[in-house]
Protein backbone atom coordinates (compact mmCIF):
# COMPACT_ATOMS: atom_id res chain seq x y z
CA MET A 1 -11.84 36.32 -30.25
CA GLY A 2 -13.31 33.57 -28.13
CA ASP A 3 -13.64 30.20 -29.61
CA LEU A 4 -12.50 31.59 -32.96
CA TYR A 5 -9.13 32.03 -31.74
CA THR A 6 -8.59 28.18 -31.55
CA ILE A 7 -8.97 27.64 -35.31
CA SER A 8 -5.28 28.73 -35.58
CA GLY A 9 -4.25 25.50 -33.48
CA ASP A 10 -2.46 24.93 -30.28
CA ASP A 11 1.01 25.65 -31.83
CA PHE A 12 0.23 28.98 -33.29
CA GLU A 13 1.97 31.92 -31.47
CA TRP A 14 1.50 35.58 -31.98
CA ASP A 15 4.34 37.89 -31.91
CA GLU A 16 3.11 40.44 -29.04
CA THR A 17 5.47 43.25 -30.53
CA TYR A 18 2.89 44.10 -33.29
CA VAL A 19 -0.01 45.28 -31.39
CA LYS A 20 -2.09 46.96 -34.10
CA VAL A 21 -2.88 46.29 -37.87
CA PRO A 22 -1.12 49.58 -39.10
CA ASP A 23 2.16 48.15 -37.51
CA LEU A 24 2.23 45.42 -40.36
CA ALA A 25 2.29 48.12 -43.18
CA ILE A 26 4.87 50.60 -44.27
CA GLN A 27 3.82 53.59 -46.43
CA GLY A 28 0.38 52.08 -47.34
CA GLU A 29 1.77 48.71 -48.30
CA TRP A 30 1.78 45.61 -46.40
CA ASN A 31 5.16 44.36 -44.96
CA VAL A 32 5.31 41.10 -46.58
CA ASP A 33 8.35 39.89 -44.43
CA ILE A 34 6.58 40.69 -41.13
CA LEU A 35 3.46 38.90 -42.25
CA ASN A 36 5.26 35.86 -43.20
CA ASP A 37 7.13 35.94 -39.79
CA ILE A 38 3.83 36.05 -37.56
CA LEU A 39 1.35 34.34 -39.56
CA PRO A 40 0.63 31.01 -41.52
CA SER A 41 1.33 31.26 -45.25
CA ASP A 42 -2.40 30.78 -46.18
CA LEU A 43 -3.47 33.73 -44.09
CA VAL A 44 -0.74 35.91 -45.78
CA GLU A 45 -1.95 34.81 -49.06
CA HIS A 46 -5.61 35.76 -48.13
CA ILE A 47 -4.60 39.06 -46.70
CA LEU A 48 -2.39 40.10 -49.68
CA CYS A 49 -5.16 39.17 -52.06
CA HIS A 50 -8.25 40.44 -50.48
CA ILE A 51 -7.65 43.01 -47.84
CA LYS A 52 -6.12 46.56 -48.38
CA PRO A 53 -3.67 47.70 -45.89
CA PRO A 54 -4.48 50.96 -43.80
CA LYS A 55 -3.42 54.30 -45.19
CA GLU A 56 -2.88 55.82 -41.80
CA ARG A 57 -0.82 54.60 -38.97
CA CYS A 58 -3.51 56.35 -36.34
CA THR A 59 -6.25 54.24 -37.56
CA GLU A 60 -7.81 52.09 -34.82
CA ASP A 61 -8.14 48.41 -35.12
CA LYS A 62 -11.82 47.22 -35.82
CA PRO A 63 -12.86 43.52 -35.92
CA CYS A 64 -14.85 42.85 -39.09
CA TRP A 65 -17.11 39.86 -40.00
CA MET A 66 -16.16 39.50 -43.60
CA LEU A 67 -19.22 37.50 -44.68
CA GLU A 68 -21.53 40.63 -44.02
CA SER A 69 -20.75 43.78 -45.87
CA ARG A 70 -21.34 45.95 -42.77
CA GLY A 71 -18.78 43.91 -40.78
CA ALA A 72 -21.23 42.80 -38.05
CA PHE A 73 -21.64 39.17 -37.27
CA THR A 74 -24.84 37.69 -38.20
CA VAL A 75 -26.24 34.19 -37.62
CA LYS A 76 -27.72 34.49 -41.30
CA THR A 77 -24.41 35.03 -42.96
CA THR A 78 -22.99 32.16 -40.86
CA TRP A 79 -25.66 29.85 -41.71
CA ASN A 80 -25.51 30.69 -45.32
CA TYR A 81 -21.80 29.94 -45.40
CA ILE A 82 -22.06 26.49 -43.70
CA ARG A 83 -25.11 25.19 -45.10
CA HIS A 84 -25.49 23.00 -48.26
CA LYS A 85 -27.96 24.85 -50.28
CA GLU A 86 -30.10 22.72 -52.59
CA ASP A 87 -31.65 24.10 -55.98
CA PRO A 88 -34.81 26.03 -55.49
CA ASN A 89 -37.93 24.15 -55.55
CA ARG A 90 -41.18 25.63 -57.06
CA ILE A 91 -43.51 24.23 -54.46
CA TYR A 92 -41.55 25.52 -51.43
CA ARG A 93 -41.56 28.95 -53.10
CA TRP A 94 -45.45 28.92 -53.39
CA ILE A 95 -45.56 27.72 -49.74
CA TRP A 96 -43.27 30.43 -48.27
CA THR A 97 -45.18 33.42 -49.86
CA LYS A 98 -43.51 36.61 -49.18
CA GLY A 99 -45.55 38.78 -46.71
CA MET A 100 -47.24 35.62 -44.99
CA PRO A 101 -46.91 35.18 -41.26
CA PHE A 102 -44.21 32.54 -40.65
CA LYS A 103 -46.51 30.39 -38.61
CA MET A 104 -49.11 30.00 -41.37
CA ALA A 105 -46.41 29.20 -43.88
CA PHE A 106 -44.96 26.65 -41.61
CA MET A 107 -48.29 25.09 -40.97
CA MET A 108 -48.65 24.81 -44.75
CA TRP A 109 -45.03 23.30 -44.95
CA ARG A 110 -45.95 20.63 -42.30
CA ILE A 111 -49.13 19.76 -44.25
CA TRP A 112 -47.15 19.19 -47.47
CA LYS A 113 -44.49 17.12 -45.78
CA PHE A 114 -47.12 14.90 -44.31
CA LYS A 115 -46.21 16.08 -40.72
CA ILE A 116 -49.93 16.77 -39.51
CA PRO A 117 -52.22 13.59 -39.12
CA VAL A 118 -54.69 14.40 -42.07
CA ASP A 119 -56.59 11.74 -43.71
CA ASP A 120 -53.91 11.42 -46.51
CA ARG A 121 -51.09 10.61 -43.98
CA LEU A 122 -53.41 8.33 -41.73
CA ARG A 123 -53.97 6.17 -44.95
CA ARG A 124 -50.09 6.04 -45.42
CA TRP A 125 -49.93 4.54 -41.81
CA GLY A 126 -52.56 2.05 -43.05
CA LEU A 127 -55.33 3.60 -40.70
CA GLU A 128 -58.96 3.93 -41.98
CA GLY A 129 -62.01 5.23 -40.50
CA PRO A 130 -64.14 8.31 -39.91
CA PRO A 131 -62.33 11.57 -40.57
CA ARG A 132 -60.19 12.90 -37.66
CA CYS A 133 -58.83 16.14 -38.80
CA LEU A 134 -58.91 17.93 -42.04
CA ASN A 135 -60.94 16.01 -44.62
CA ILE A 136 -62.11 17.05 -48.26
CA THR A 137 -64.51 14.32 -49.65
CA GLY A 138 -63.42 13.00 -53.06
CA LEU A 139 -59.96 14.58 -53.20
CA GLN A 140 -56.73 14.48 -51.52
CA LEU A 141 -55.59 17.60 -49.53
CA ARG A 142 -52.64 17.89 -51.95
CA GLU A 143 -54.93 17.80 -55.09
CA VAL A 144 -57.14 20.70 -53.48
CA ILE A 145 -53.91 22.94 -52.81
CA MET A 146 -52.56 22.36 -56.14
CA LEU A 147 -56.05 23.48 -57.73
CA TRP A 148 -55.47 27.00 -55.75
CA TRP A 149 -51.98 27.15 -56.72
CA GLY A 150 -52.61 26.28 -60.37
CA ALA A 151 -55.48 28.54 -60.70
CA SER A 152 -55.65 30.33 -64.25
CA ILE A 153 -55.69 34.06 -63.21
CA LYS A 154 -53.88 37.13 -63.69
CA PRO A 155 -50.04 36.96 -63.05
CA ASP A 156 -50.26 39.71 -60.55
CA GLN A 157 -52.69 37.93 -58.61
CA LYS A 158 -51.28 34.37 -58.39
CA SER A 159 -49.30 35.11 -55.15
CA PHE A 160 -52.68 35.78 -53.24
CA TYR A 161 -54.42 32.61 -54.74
CA ARG A 162 -51.30 30.69 -53.73
CA ALA A 163 -51.67 32.10 -50.10
CA MET A 164 -55.29 31.17 -49.75
CA PRO A 165 -55.00 27.37 -48.94
CA SER A 166 -52.51 28.55 -45.99
CA PHE A 167 -55.11 30.79 -44.70
CA ILE A 168 -57.95 28.39 -44.90
CA ILE A 169 -56.11 25.46 -43.36
CA TRP A 170 -54.91 27.54 -40.53
CA GLU A 171 -58.22 28.74 -39.56
CA LEU A 172 -59.59 25.22 -39.75
CA TRP A 173 -56.82 23.82 -37.72
CA LYS A 174 -57.52 26.52 -35.12
CA ARG A 175 -61.33 25.68 -35.21
CA ARG A 176 -60.29 21.92 -34.78
CA ASN A 177 -57.87 22.56 -31.94
CA LYS A 178 -60.45 24.85 -30.17
CA LYS A 179 -63.24 22.37 -30.07
CA LYS A 180 -60.83 19.42 -29.28
CA HIS A 181 -58.67 21.19 -26.45
CA GLU A 182 -61.02 23.74 -25.01
CA GLY A 183 -64.54 22.42 -25.99
CA LYS A 184 -65.31 25.57 -27.65
CA ASN A 185 -66.79 25.65 -31.15
CA ILE A 186 -65.84 28.57 -33.91
CA SER A 187 -68.54 29.06 -36.28
CA ILE A 188 -68.05 28.81 -40.11
CA PRO A 189 -68.94 32.40 -40.61
CA ARG A 190 -66.05 33.27 -38.05
CA VAL A 191 -63.58 31.13 -39.81
CA ILE A 192 -64.62 32.85 -43.40
CA HIS A 193 -64.27 36.27 -41.71
CA ASN A 194 -60.65 35.37 -40.40
CA VAL A 195 -59.50 33.97 -43.73
CA THR A 196 -60.81 37.35 -45.37
CA ARG A 197 -58.96 39.39 -42.87
CA ASN A 198 -55.79 37.53 -43.31
CA MET A 199 -56.14 38.16 -47.02
CA PHE A 200 -56.74 41.78 -46.56
CA MET A 201 -53.57 42.08 -44.27
CA LEU A 202 -51.47 40.34 -46.84
CA ALA A 203 -52.74 42.54 -49.67
CA LYS A 204 -51.84 45.62 -47.39
CA VAL A 205 -48.29 44.59 -47.05
CA ARG A 206 -47.60 43.57 -50.73
CA ARG A 207 -49.63 46.59 -52.08
CA PRO A 208 -49.54 49.37 -49.44
CA SER A 209 -51.38 51.81 -51.43
CA MET A 210 -54.25 49.65 -52.30
CA LYS A 211 -57.67 51.05 -50.90
CA SER A 212 -59.99 48.47 -49.42
CA ARG A 213 -62.11 48.07 -46.43
CA GLY A 214 -61.74 44.42 -45.89
CA SER A 215 -64.76 42.62 -47.17
CA TRP A 216 -63.90 39.73 -49.81
CA ALA A 217 -65.94 41.43 -52.60
CA GLU A 218 -63.79 44.67 -52.01
CA ILE A 219 -60.61 42.95 -51.78
CA LEU A 220 -61.12 41.30 -55.24
CA LYS A 221 -62.04 44.44 -56.69
CA ALA A 222 -59.18 46.60 -55.34
CA MET A 223 -56.87 43.97 -56.60
CA GLU A 224 -58.32 44.19 -60.25
CA ASP A 225 -58.33 48.07 -59.97
CA TYR A 226 -54.82 48.31 -58.51
CA ARG A 227 -52.32 50.64 -60.21
CA PRO A 228 -48.89 50.63 -59.25
CA ARG A 229 -46.70 53.82 -58.41
CA VAL A 230 -44.72 55.33 -61.29
CA LYS A 231 -41.43 57.00 -61.12
CA LYS A 232 -39.38 59.12 -63.84
CA TRP A 233 -36.17 60.61 -64.30
CA GLU A 234 -35.92 64.23 -63.40
CA TYR A 235 -33.88 67.30 -65.17
CA PRO A 236 -31.14 68.68 -63.31
CA GLN A 237 -31.64 72.34 -62.20
CA THR A 238 -30.31 75.18 -64.35
CA GLY A 239 -26.39 75.40 -64.32
CA TRP A 240 -25.94 71.92 -62.91
CA ILE A 241 -25.15 68.49 -64.46
CA LYS A 242 -26.42 65.20 -63.25
CA TYR A 243 -24.73 61.81 -63.06
CA ASN A 244 -26.73 58.68 -62.83
CA THR A 245 -24.75 55.72 -61.46
CA ASP A 246 -25.25 51.88 -60.85
CA GLY A 247 -23.64 48.87 -60.01
CA ALA A 248 -24.57 45.41 -60.92
CA SER A 249 -23.51 41.91 -59.53
CA LYS A 250 -24.81 38.68 -60.83
CA GLY A 251 -24.91 36.42 -57.92
CA ASN A 252 -23.90 38.90 -55.36
CA PRO A 253 -21.10 38.25 -54.93
CA GLY A 254 -20.51 37.32 -58.54
CA VAL A 255 -19.54 38.87 -61.94
CA SER A 256 -20.00 42.60 -61.40
CA SER A 257 -19.88 45.87 -63.39
CA TYR A 258 -20.32 49.82 -62.85
CA ALA A 259 -21.95 52.23 -65.03
CA PHE A 260 -22.68 56.02 -65.16
CA CYS A 261 -24.04 58.38 -67.38
CA LEU A 262 -23.79 62.18 -67.67
CA ARG A 263 -26.60 64.58 -68.75
CA ASN A 264 -27.07 68.34 -68.99
CA GLU A 265 -29.91 70.33 -67.81
CA ARG A 266 -31.81 69.80 -71.22
CA GLY A 267 -31.37 65.86 -70.81
CA ASP A 268 -28.88 65.50 -73.30
CA ILE A 269 -26.24 62.79 -72.86
CA MET A 270 -22.69 64.06 -72.68
CA TYR A 271 -20.82 61.05 -71.62
CA ALA A 272 -21.60 57.50 -70.46
CA GLU A 273 -19.50 54.55 -69.44
CA GLY A 274 -20.02 50.98 -68.32
CA ALA A 275 -17.29 48.32 -67.59
CA CYS A 276 -16.90 44.88 -66.12
CA MET A 277 -15.39 44.27 -62.59
CA GLU A 278 -13.85 41.28 -60.72
CA ASN A 279 -16.20 39.19 -58.90
CA THR A 280 -17.55 41.08 -56.00
CA THR A 281 -20.65 42.34 -54.19
CA ASN A 282 -23.29 44.77 -55.33
CA THR A 283 -22.32 47.28 -52.78
CA VAL A 284 -18.79 47.42 -54.02
CA ALA A 285 -20.15 47.71 -57.51
CA GLU A 286 -22.42 50.77 -56.40
CA ALA A 287 -19.33 52.29 -54.65
CA LYS A 288 -17.14 51.82 -57.70
CA ALA A 289 -19.75 53.43 -60.04
CA ILE A 290 -19.82 56.64 -57.88
CA LEU A 291 -15.99 56.47 -57.61
CA GLU A 292 -15.46 56.47 -61.31
CA GLU A 293 -18.36 59.08 -61.96
CA SER A 294 -16.31 61.41 -59.30
CA LYS A 295 -13.08 60.88 -61.19
CA HIS A 296 -14.80 61.74 -64.51
CA CYS A 297 -16.37 64.77 -62.97
CA LYS A 298 -12.97 66.23 -61.61
CA LYS A 299 -11.10 65.49 -64.89
CA SER A 300 -13.87 67.31 -66.94
CA HIS A 301 -13.49 70.39 -64.37
CA TYR A 302 -17.51 70.42 -63.46
CA ASN A 303 -18.15 72.40 -60.32
CA GLN A 304 -21.95 71.79 -59.88
CA ASP A 305 -22.52 68.01 -59.76
CA ILE A 306 -25.61 66.05 -58.93
CA ILE A 307 -25.04 62.50 -58.22
CA GLN A 308 -27.82 60.31 -58.44
CA THR A 309 -27.95 56.54 -57.27
CA ASP A 310 -30.50 54.05 -56.73
CA SER A 311 -28.47 52.68 -53.61
CA MET A 312 -29.97 54.14 -50.66
CA LEU A 313 -26.97 52.65 -48.76
CA MET A 314 -24.36 54.64 -50.66
CA CYS A 315 -26.46 57.75 -50.72
CA LYS A 316 -26.68 57.73 -46.71
CA VAL A 317 -23.06 56.74 -46.30
CA LEU A 318 -21.94 59.48 -48.51
CA GLU A 319 -24.07 62.09 -46.76
CA GLY A 320 -22.65 60.94 -43.36
CA LYS A 321 -25.82 59.38 -42.07
CA TRP A 322 -24.99 55.70 -41.98
CA ALA A 323 -21.77 54.06 -40.90
CA THR A 324 -19.49 52.93 -43.73
CA PRO A 325 -19.34 49.18 -44.42
CA TRP A 326 -15.88 47.85 -43.94
CA ILE A 327 -15.75 46.47 -47.57
CA ILE A 328 -16.03 49.95 -49.28
CA THR A 329 -14.13 52.12 -46.71
CA ASP A 330 -11.29 52.78 -48.98
CA LEU A 331 -13.67 53.66 -51.73
CA VAL A 332 -15.59 55.89 -49.89
CA GLU A 333 -12.50 57.82 -48.50
CA GLU A 334 -11.35 58.11 -52.08
CA ILE A 335 -14.68 59.58 -53.29
CA LYS A 336 -14.84 62.17 -50.53
CA THR A 337 -11.28 63.19 -51.30
CA ILE A 338 -11.99 63.74 -54.87
CA LEU A 339 -15.18 65.65 -54.17
CA LYS A 340 -14.25 67.89 -51.50
CA ASP A 341 -13.39 70.83 -53.73
CA ILE A 342 -16.58 70.15 -56.05
CA GLN A 343 -20.03 71.54 -55.18
CA HIS A 344 -21.86 68.39 -55.18
CA THR A 345 -25.18 66.71 -53.93
CA PHE A 346 -26.34 63.04 -53.43
CA HIS A 347 -29.86 62.16 -54.51
CA HIS A 348 -31.51 58.77 -54.06
CA ILE A 349 -33.70 57.58 -56.83
CA MET A 350 -35.77 54.40 -57.21
CA ARG A 351 -34.28 51.92 -59.75
CA GLU A 352 -37.26 52.60 -62.23
CA GLY A 353 -35.93 56.12 -62.57
CA ASN A 354 -32.37 54.92 -63.10
CA GLN A 355 -32.91 53.17 -66.26
CA LEU A 356 -29.99 54.18 -68.37
CA ALA A 357 -27.37 53.63 -65.95
CA ASP A 358 -29.13 50.18 -65.17
CA TYR A 359 -29.03 49.36 -68.91
CA LEU A 360 -25.42 50.27 -69.11
CA ALA A 361 -24.16 48.30 -66.20
CA ASN A 362 -25.95 45.17 -67.40
CA LYS A 363 -24.74 45.55 -70.85
CA ALA A 364 -21.03 46.03 -69.45
CA ILE A 365 -21.49 42.41 -67.85
CA LYS A 366 -22.40 40.76 -71.26
CA LYS A 367 -20.27 42.84 -73.40
CA GLY A 368 -17.66 44.41 -71.51
CA THR A 369 -16.37 48.14 -71.43
CA CYS A 370 -18.35 50.49 -73.29
CA ARG A 371 -18.12 54.22 -73.76
CA TYR A 372 -20.45 56.81 -75.33
CA GLU A 373 -19.89 60.47 -76.14
CA ASP A 374 -23.26 61.69 -77.66
CA PHE A 375 -26.70 60.34 -78.34
CA ASN A 376 -25.70 58.87 -81.92
CA SER A 377 -23.04 56.51 -80.40
CA LEU A 378 -25.76 54.92 -78.05
CA GLU A 379 -27.26 51.54 -79.13
CA PRO A 380 -31.07 51.63 -80.17
CA ASN A 381 -32.06 50.43 -76.56
CA GLY A 382 -30.01 53.28 -74.82
CA ARG A 383 -31.61 55.75 -77.29
CA ARG A 384 -35.09 54.65 -76.41
CA ILE A 385 -34.39 54.99 -72.74
CA LEU A 386 -32.91 58.34 -73.09
CA ASN A 387 -35.83 59.70 -75.14
CA SER A 388 -38.31 58.29 -72.59
CA ASP A 389 -36.28 60.17 -69.93
CA LYS A 390 -36.32 63.33 -71.82
CA SER A 391 -40.06 62.91 -72.53
CA GLN A 392 -40.80 62.36 -68.87
CA THR A 393 -42.43 59.16 -69.40
CA PRO A 394 -43.09 57.37 -66.08
CA TYR A 395 -41.82 53.86 -65.26
CA ILE A 396 -43.73 51.48 -63.11
CA GLN A 397 -42.12 51.04 -59.48
CA ILE A 398 -41.85 47.56 -58.24
CA SER A 399 -41.18 47.65 -54.57
CA PRO A 400 -39.64 44.88 -52.59
CA LEU A 401 -41.35 43.70 -49.35
CA ARG A 402 -39.70 45.20 -46.19
CA ARG A 403 -42.08 43.94 -43.33
CA GLN A 404 -44.45 41.20 -42.52
CA TRP A 405 -47.61 41.39 -40.52
CA GLU A 406 -48.43 38.91 -37.73
CA GLY A 407 -51.61 37.28 -38.01
CA GLY A 408 -53.81 36.83 -34.89
CA GLY A 409 -54.60 33.65 -32.96
CA SER A 410 -52.67 30.77 -31.92
CA SER A 411 -52.60 27.01 -32.12
CA HIS A 412 -52.09 24.06 -30.26
CA ASN A 413 -49.40 21.49 -31.03
């Protein structure tokens, strides 16, 4: 345990009689008397309220970092727990553009915070004279940046325009340092080429399927002609039924819900359900949705079950390909027990193809438990989604960024 052991205080004594967590439980329930004998009252209360007892005595003890759903210690979760988080700032969201190399965004942040000796900063120090760094005649640097950030353009292109000042300033700063520290001069055409290359790399990260060779004119045309990927709900094969499941958590952790909907091979709704849960994480909500779907499947005596979820984590865990996060261990074991005698298969689907379950989960958060037996019992929005799925109407796929590119070059401090 290292230093974490010292948080219990010098007067804390552990009863060595109990060497494993299963020793503190009897028949699947915590032994409250033993817990009160060996642990402080606040820890006992926390265990009883938040931690389920082990079901098997042969279970090996495993340390889990409870701030991380997978149980592994991370600096990120620790920092998020102890830091004071201020309200989001619009300017900082524009500075830290998703997909941009950290060093370029950090450079822009330093510029905005007057940490670089540009003319604006020198004037604040009371120094006047010829330009010593970045200078734009007639305008302050912040004003020029805001012209880019506030440009009147298509919404899907705003992130690229907001990244442009960072690319330009980064390349000008490199040019300035090359000349000052190494006596080398970078030509303006080379600066323009590097800015264009940076924009091209950002476009490839944010829009992987976009076709462009890298020239500025081609990048602009590719952005205008870009069409996002589309996804659609798929019919189950003959003789099978399909459950679509989804979990929602407002705040993660926060107020949560689960939902699932059952459709036959013709795409007709046979049953749908959504319900609100206690404050928990999105991972728990996704697992709860599959658990409730499994219970309904067994109760209804269905033998060929397709379970479709937009949670890649749940799909891989239930297929045995990924390790089970500690927070859903009991839920996963219960799901496997219920489905062991049912022919079933797990499919992952993008959120855009899981519209009906997503709609029901969000509706449950707002209005509580809802159940539907057929098409006519659905609200108009639910009917619209169901009809769109049956007609194989495609939905636009919105993909999150999962990687960053590293821009070339370096800068002197």
